[in-house]
Protein backbone atom coordinates (compact mmCIF):
# COMPACT_ATOMS: atom_id res chain seq x y z
CA MET A 1 -14.25 10.45 0.17
CA LYS A 2 -12.33 13.55 1.42
CA LEU A 3 -8.50 13.04 1.54
CA PRO A 4 -6.78 14.54 4.48
CA ALA A 5 -4.64 17.46 4.20
CA ARG A 6 -1.05 16.75 2.50
CA ARG A 7 1.31 15.98 5.15
CA ILE A 8 5.10 16.47 4.77
CA PHE A 9 7.02 13.41 6.56
CA SER A 10 10.70 13.56 7.85
CA LEU A 11 12.44 10.17 7.38
CA ASN A 12 12.17 9.74 11.21
CA ASP A 13 8.22 10.55 11.12
CA ALA A 14 7.69 8.21 8.11
CA GLN A 15 9.87 5.59 9.96
CA GLN A 16 7.70 6.02 13.35
CA LEU A 17 4.49 5.43 11.16
CA LEU A 18 5.59 2.44 9.25
CA PRO A 19 4.87 -0.09 12.09
CA ILE A 20 1.11 0.80 11.52
CA VAL A 21 1.39 0.87 7.74
CA LYS A 22 3.16 -2.47 7.80
CA GLN A 23 0.39 -4.04 10.13
CA LEU A 24 -2.30 -2.84 7.87
CA THR A 25 -0.42 -3.95 5.06
CA GLU A 26 0.15 -7.39 6.37
CA GLU A 27 -3.58 -8.04 7.34
CA ALA A 28 -4.59 -6.83 3.58
CA VAL A 29 -1.87 -9.40 2.20
CA ARG A 30 -3.15 -12.25 4.65
CA ARG A 31 -6.89 -11.61 3.47
CA SER A 32 -5.96 -10.82 -0.16
CA THR A 33 -3.72 -14.41 -0.48
CA ALA A 34 -6.53 -16.32 1.22
CA ILE A 35 -9.06 -14.92 -1.37
CA GLU A 36 -6.78 -15.49 -4.09
CA GLU A 37 -6.19 -18.91 -3.22
CA ARG A 38 -9.92 -19.81 -3.30
CA LEU A 39 -10.32 -17.88 -6.49
CA SER A 40 -7.81 -20.15 -8.05
CA GLU A 41 -10.00 -23.28 -7.34
CA LEU A 42 -13.02 -21.68 -9.12
CA ALA A 43 -14.01 -21.51 -12.58
CA ARG A 44 -14.25 -17.72 -13.72
CA ASP A 45 -17.72 -18.00 -14.72
CA THR A 46 -19.17 -19.01 -11.63
CA PRO A 47 -20.97 -16.72 -9.06
CA GLU A 48 -18.84 -17.42 -6.32
CA HIS A 49 -15.88 -16.37 -8.23
CA ALA A 50 -17.48 -13.14 -9.07
CA ARG A 51 -18.12 -12.89 -5.44
CA LEU A 52 -14.97 -13.36 -4.37
CA ALA A 53 -13.28 -11.05 -6.80
CA GLY A 54 -15.51 -8.19 -5.54
CA GLU A 55 -14.39 -9.18 -1.92
CA LEU A 56 -10.51 -8.99 -2.99
CA GLU A 57 -11.11 -5.67 -4.67
CA GLU A 58 -12.63 -4.51 -1.31
CA VAL A 59 -9.82 -5.62 0.69
CA VAL A 60 -7.44 -3.56 -1.51
CA ARG A 61 -9.78 -0.54 -1.59
CA ALA A 62 -9.95 -0.60 2.30
CA TRP A 63 -6.25 -1.08 2.78
CA ALA A 64 -5.93 2.17 0.47
CA ALA A 65 -8.62 4.18 2.30
CA ARG A 66 -6.86 3.37 5.59
CA LEU A 67 -3.58 4.64 4.16
CA ASN A 68 -5.16 7.66 3.13
CA GLU A 69 -6.38 8.53 6.73
CA LEU A 70 -2.98 8.10 7.75
CA SER A 71 -1.91 10.70 4.92
CA VAL A 72 0.32 8.44 3.24
CA GLU A 73 -0.25 7.45 -0.45
CA PRO A 74 -0.84 3.77 -1.80
CA LYS A 75 0.97 3.93 -5.17
CA GLY A 76 0.47 0.33 -6.14
CA LEU A 77 -0.41 -3.17 -4.68
CA TRP A 78 1.28 -2.96 -1.28
CA LEU A 79 3.49 0.00 -2.39
CA VAL A 80 3.36 3.41 -0.21
CA ASP A 81 4.88 6.47 -0.56
CA PHE A 82 5.51 8.98 2.38
CA ASP A 83 5.60 12.73 0.97
CA ASN A 84 8.70 14.44 2.22
CA GLY A 85 8.13 17.85 0.41
CA ASP A 86 10.61 17.00 -2.52
CA GLY A 87 9.65 13.56 -3.47
CA TYR A 88 8.83 10.48 -1.51
CA TYR A 89 10.19 7.87 0.94
CA CYS A 90 8.99 5.01 -0.71
CA TRP A 91 8.25 1.69 0.94
CA GLN A 92 7.37 -1.82 -0.48
CA TYR A 93 5.73 -4.97 1.47
CA PRO A 94 7.57 -6.94 2.81
CA GLU A 95 10.77 -4.39 3.31
CA ALA A 96 11.68 -4.17 6.67
CA THR A 97 12.21 -0.45 6.74
CA ILE A 98 12.11 2.49 4.60
CA THR A 99 15.27 2.39 2.43
CA HIS A 100 14.31 4.25 -0.62
CA TYR A 101 13.24 7.56 -1.83
CA HIS A 102 12.20 9.14 -5.56
CA GLY A 103 11.12 12.33 -6.85
CA TYR A 104 7.72 13.17 -7.63
CA ASP A 105 7.86 12.33 -11.24
CA ASP A 106 10.16 9.27 -10.97
CA GLY A 107 7.81 6.74 -9.64
CA PHE A 108 9.12 3.31 -8.39
CA ALA A 109 11.37 2.62 -11.39
CA GLY A 110 13.44 5.90 -10.17
CA ARG A 111 13.81 4.69 -6.63
CA ILE A 112 17.39 5.65 -5.15
CA LYS A 113 18.78 3.92 -1.88
CA ILE A 114 18.66 6.24 1.05
CA THR A 115 22.35 6.78 2.16
């Protein structure tokens, strides 16, 4: 899969795109939660468990691919970064808005509240 060219986001740009990111993420969370509930009821060594585990992986892969198409970066499960040229504006489901930033090398643990 070819990734789109690097896009630099202003905070306003990122906030404007966030509703789409949130919608895609909420849909993926709903689908994955339903699959996880079904998985929890099955023994790990059953064919149905293996099938559902593959389906769960596909939900996450498809979510990440859709985000890449928007030129944002999935960095973990339901964690999204918007490149701002100096680091990333960082959003994690179910946060209401983008309120954090971190440098390129800092990662989630280095998140700083945007003032």
